[in-house]
Amino acid sequence: MGRWWLALAASLPLLADARYELAYDAKTNPLLGLVASLAGLSKLASPGEAVLLKGNRVMVKGQKQTIVVNYGTGRMLLIDHTDRTWEDLPIEEMRQRVAADIPEVLQRGLRRLFPEGNGGTATTAIVERSSDPEARPSLERFRQRHGLGYLFPGMESIISLTPAVASEIAKLRQAGVLVEAIRILVGENGKLVNAFVEIRNYRESPVEEEEMRPPANYAQIK
Protein backbone atom coordinates (compact mmCIF):
# COMPACT_ATOMS: atom_id res chain seq x y z
CA MET A 1 0.00 0.00 0.00
CA GLY A 2 1.14 3.56 -0.64
CA ARG A 3 -0.09 7.08 -1.24
CA TRP A 4 -3.03 5.85 -3.29
CA TRP A 5 -4.30 4.01 -0.19
CA LEU A 6 -4.10 7.18 1.92
CA ALA A 7 -5.93 9.16 -0.73
CA LEU A 8 -8.67 6.53 -0.83
CA ALA A 9 -8.95 6.40 2.96
CA ALA A 10 -9.22 10.19 3.17
CA SER A 11 -12.04 10.20 0.63
CA LEU A 12 -14.17 7.65 2.44
CA PRO A 13 -17.15 9.15 4.31
CA LEU A 14 -16.66 6.98 7.37
CA LEU A 15 -13.64 5.57 9.13
CA ALA A 16 -13.28 3.84 12.45
CA ASP A 17 -13.04 6.22 15.37
CA ALA A 18 -10.05 6.14 17.69
CA ARG A 19 -9.15 6.03 21.37
CA TYR A 20 -5.81 6.74 22.97
CA GLU A 21 -4.12 8.35 25.94
CA LEU A 22 -2.43 11.73 25.80
CA ALA A 23 0.58 11.93 28.09
CA TYR A 24 2.53 15.12 28.68
CA ASP A 25 5.23 16.60 30.85
CA ALA A 26 6.07 20.31 30.71
CA LYS A 27 8.91 21.81 32.70
CA THR A 28 8.85 25.61 32.66
CA ASN A 29 10.38 28.59 34.37
CA PRO A 30 8.20 30.30 37.04
CA LEU A 31 6.87 33.01 34.68
CA LEU A 32 5.60 30.56 32.08
CA GLY A 33 4.28 28.25 34.79
CA LEU A 34 2.22 31.17 36.12
CA VAL A 35 0.91 31.94 32.64
CA ALA A 36 -0.08 28.30 32.17
CA SER A 37 -1.99 28.28 35.47
CA LEU A 38 -3.79 31.52 34.53
CA ALA A 39 -4.64 29.95 31.18
CA GLY A 40 -6.51 27.20 32.99
CA LEU A 41 -3.96 24.39 33.15
CA SER A 42 -4.31 22.80 36.57
CA LYS A 43 -1.28 20.59 36.00
CA LEU A 44 1.70 20.44 33.69
CA ALA A 45 2.19 16.67 33.67
CA SER A 46 0.01 13.61 33.20
CA PRO A 47 0.83 9.93 32.64
CA GLY A 48 -2.10 9.71 30.22
CA GLU A 49 -5.53 11.31 29.85
CA ALA A 50 -8.20 9.41 27.94
CA VAL A 51 -8.90 10.81 24.46
CA LEU A 52 -11.73 10.03 22.05
CA LEU A 53 -11.43 10.94 18.37
CA LYS A 54 -14.57 11.11 16.24
CA GLY A 55 -14.82 12.92 12.92
CA ASN A 56 -13.76 16.54 13.43
CA ARG A 57 -13.96 16.28 17.21
CA VAL A 58 -11.51 15.33 19.91
CA MET A 59 -12.44 14.82 23.56
CA VAL A 60 -9.91 14.88 26.39
CA LYS A 61 -11.22 13.50 29.67
CA GLY A 62 -9.78 15.10 32.78
CA GLN A 63 -10.59 14.41 36.41
CA LYS A 64 -11.91 17.93 37.04
CA GLN A 65 -12.62 19.10 33.50
CA THR A 66 -13.29 17.50 30.15
CA ILE A 67 -13.02 19.33 26.85
CA VAL A 68 -14.49 18.52 23.46
CA VAL A 69 -12.93 20.52 20.63
CA ASN A 70 -14.76 20.58 17.29
CA TYR A 71 -12.25 21.74 14.69
CA GLY A 72 -14.93 21.56 12.02
CA THR A 73 -17.14 24.21 13.63
CA GLY A 74 -14.50 26.11 15.61
CA ARG A 75 -16.37 25.51 18.85
CA MET A 76 -15.61 23.64 22.05
CA LEU A 77 -17.40 22.19 25.06
CA LEU A 78 -16.02 22.82 28.55
CA ILE A 79 -17.39 20.24 30.98
CA ASP A 80 -16.80 20.98 34.67
CA HIS A 81 -17.06 17.85 36.82
CA THR A 82 -16.79 19.81 40.07
CA ASP A 83 -19.81 22.04 39.42
CA ARG A 84 -21.54 19.54 37.12
CA THR A 85 -21.94 22.18 34.43
CA TRP A 86 -20.93 22.62 30.80
CA GLU A 87 -20.50 25.41 28.26
CA ASP A 88 -20.60 25.51 24.48
CA LEU A 89 -18.44 28.36 23.17
CA PRO A 90 -16.27 29.36 20.21
CA ILE A 91 -12.58 28.51 20.47
CA GLU A 92 -11.87 32.19 19.78
CA GLU A 93 -13.86 33.16 22.88
CA MET A 94 -11.69 30.82 24.92
CA ARG A 95 -8.62 32.62 23.60
CA GLN A 96 -10.14 35.93 24.62
CA ARG A 97 -10.93 34.63 28.11
CA VAL A 98 -7.38 33.43 28.57
CA ALA A 99 -5.97 36.76 27.41
CA ALA A 100 -8.30 38.60 29.79
CA ASP A 101 -7.12 36.48 32.73
CA ILE A 102 -3.43 37.12 32.07
CA PRO A 103 -2.17 40.52 33.31
CA GLU A 104 -0.87 42.83 30.59
CA VAL A 105 2.63 42.81 32.08
CA LEU A 106 2.80 39.02 31.58
CA GLN A 107 1.44 39.33 28.05
CA ARG A 108 4.15 41.85 27.23
CA GLY A 109 6.71 39.43 28.61
CA LEU A 110 5.34 36.65 26.40
CA ARG A 111 5.49 38.85 23.33
CA ARG A 112 9.14 39.62 24.03
CA LEU A 113 9.97 35.95 24.51
CA PHE A 114 7.90 34.74 21.55
CA PRO A 115 7.76 37.56 18.99
CA GLU A 116 6.14 37.41 15.57
CA GLY A 117 8.58 36.45 12.82
CA ASN A 118 12.27 35.84 13.48
CA GLY A 119 14.21 36.78 16.58
CA GLY A 120 13.44 36.36 20.24
CA THR A 121 14.01 33.23 22.28
CA ALA A 122 15.06 30.16 20.32
CA THR A 123 12.17 27.73 19.93
CA THR A 124 12.38 24.24 18.47
CA ALA A 125 9.80 21.50 17.96
CA ILE A 126 11.37 18.06 17.61
CA VAL A 127 9.46 15.01 16.36
CA GLU A 128 10.67 12.20 18.61
CA ARG A 129 8.40 9.54 17.16
CA SER A 130 6.15 9.39 14.11
CA SER A 131 3.46 6.88 13.16
CA ASP A 132 2.70 4.78 10.13
CA PRO A 133 -0.42 6.41 8.59
CA GLU A 134 -1.65 3.05 7.35
CA ALA A 135 -1.69 1.71 10.92
CA ARG A 136 -3.60 4.75 12.21
CA PRO A 137 -6.08 5.71 9.47
CA SER A 138 -8.44 7.72 11.73
CA LEU A 139 -5.55 9.70 13.17
CA GLU A 140 -4.11 10.35 9.71
CA ARG A 141 -7.44 11.57 8.40
CA PHE A 142 -7.72 13.94 11.36
CA ARG A 143 -4.15 15.19 10.77
CA GLN A 144 -4.88 15.91 7.12
CA ARG A 145 -7.84 18.05 8.10
CA HIS A 146 -6.77 19.66 11.36
CA GLY A 147 -3.02 19.34 11.72
CA LEU A 148 -1.73 18.57 15.21
CA GLY A 149 -5.05 19.19 16.93
CA TYR A 150 -5.02 15.56 18.07
CA LEU A 151 -1.83 16.27 20.09
CA PHE A 152 -2.73 19.75 21.33
CA PRO A 153 -6.51 19.76 21.79
CA GLY A 154 -7.70 22.93 23.45
CA MET A 155 -4.20 24.40 23.60
CA GLU A 156 -4.92 27.12 21.05
CA SER A 157 -5.60 29.44 23.95
CA ILE A 158 -1.95 29.25 25.01
CA ILE A 159 -0.25 28.65 21.67
CA SER A 160 -1.95 31.74 20.22
CA LEU A 161 -0.12 33.84 22.84
CA THR A 162 3.27 32.44 21.84
CA PRO A 163 3.80 33.11 18.10
CA ALA A 164 7.22 31.44 17.99
CA VAL A 165 5.74 28.16 19.27
CA ALA A 166 2.79 28.50 16.90
CA SER A 167 5.25 28.95 14.02
CA GLU A 168 7.08 25.72 14.88
CA ILE A 169 3.79 23.83 15.08
CA ALA A 170 2.78 25.26 11.68
CA LYS A 171 6.02 23.96 10.15
CA LEU A 172 5.25 20.45 11.38
CA ARG A 173 1.74 20.67 10.03
CA GLN A 174 3.05 21.67 6.61
CA ALA A 175 5.54 18.80 6.68
CA GLY A 176 2.66 16.31 6.67
CA VAL A 177 4.14 13.99 9.30
CA LEU A 178 1.85 11.89 11.50
CA VAL A 179 3.49 12.86 14.79
CA GLU A 180 3.09 10.48 17.73
CA ALA A 181 5.53 12.13 20.15
CA ILE A 182 6.90 15.67 20.13
CA ARG A 183 9.23 17.74 22.28
CA ILE A 184 9.15 21.53 22.36
CA LEU A 185 12.23 23.35 23.62
CA VAL A 186 12.25 27.05 24.39
CA GLY A 187 15.51 28.71 25.31
CA GLU A 188 18.96 27.15 25.26
CA ASN A 189 18.57 23.40 25.86
CA GLY A 190 14.97 24.00 26.89
CA LYS A 191 15.89 26.31 29.76
CA LEU A 192 12.54 28.14 29.61
CA VAL A 193 10.31 25.29 28.45
CA ASN A 194 10.98 21.59 27.97
CA ALA A 195 7.66 20.03 27.06
CA PHE A 196 7.05 16.48 25.88
CA VAL A 197 3.71 15.23 24.51
CA GLU A 198 2.97 11.73 23.27
CA ILE A 199 0.19 9.35 22.29
CA ARG A 200 -0.03 6.05 24.15
CA ASN A 201 -2.18 2.93 23.79
CA TYR A 202 -3.73 3.97 20.48
CA ARG A 203 -6.46 1.83 19.00
CA GLU A 204 -9.06 2.16 16.27
CA SER A 205 -12.32 1.70 18.14
CA PRO A 206 -15.91 2.91 17.62
CA VAL A 207 -16.94 5.97 19.66
CA GLU A 208 -20.66 6.37 20.30
CA GLU A 209 -22.18 9.82 19.82
CA GLU A 210 -23.39 9.80 23.41
CA GLU A 211 -19.79 9.50 24.64
CA MET A 212 -18.98 12.90 23.12
CA ARG A 213 -21.73 14.69 25.02
CA PRO A 214 -21.86 16.14 28.55
CA PRO A 215 -23.54 13.90 31.16
CA ALA A 216 -27.32 14.24 31.06
CA ASN A 217 -27.50 15.45 34.68
CA TYR A 218 -25.08 18.37 34.07
CA ALA A 219 -26.53 21.87 33.62
CA GLN A 220 -25.60 24.03 30.65
CA ILE A 221 -24.23 27.51 31.35
CA LYS A 222 -25.59 30.05 28.84
Foldseek 3Di string as FASTA:
>chain_A
DDPVVLVVLLPDPDDFKKKWWKWKAKDFDPLVVVLCVLLPDPDRGDPTFIWTGDDQWIWTDDPQWIKIARPVVQWMKIQGPVQLEIEIGGLVVSLVSSVVSDDPVSLVVLCQQAPPDDDHWDKAKDQPDFDDCVQPVSLLSNCLVPNCCVFVPSCCSPCVSRNNSVVNSVVNSVVSTRGFKMWMATHDVNHGMTMIMGIGDMDRHHDDPVNSDRPPPGYYDD
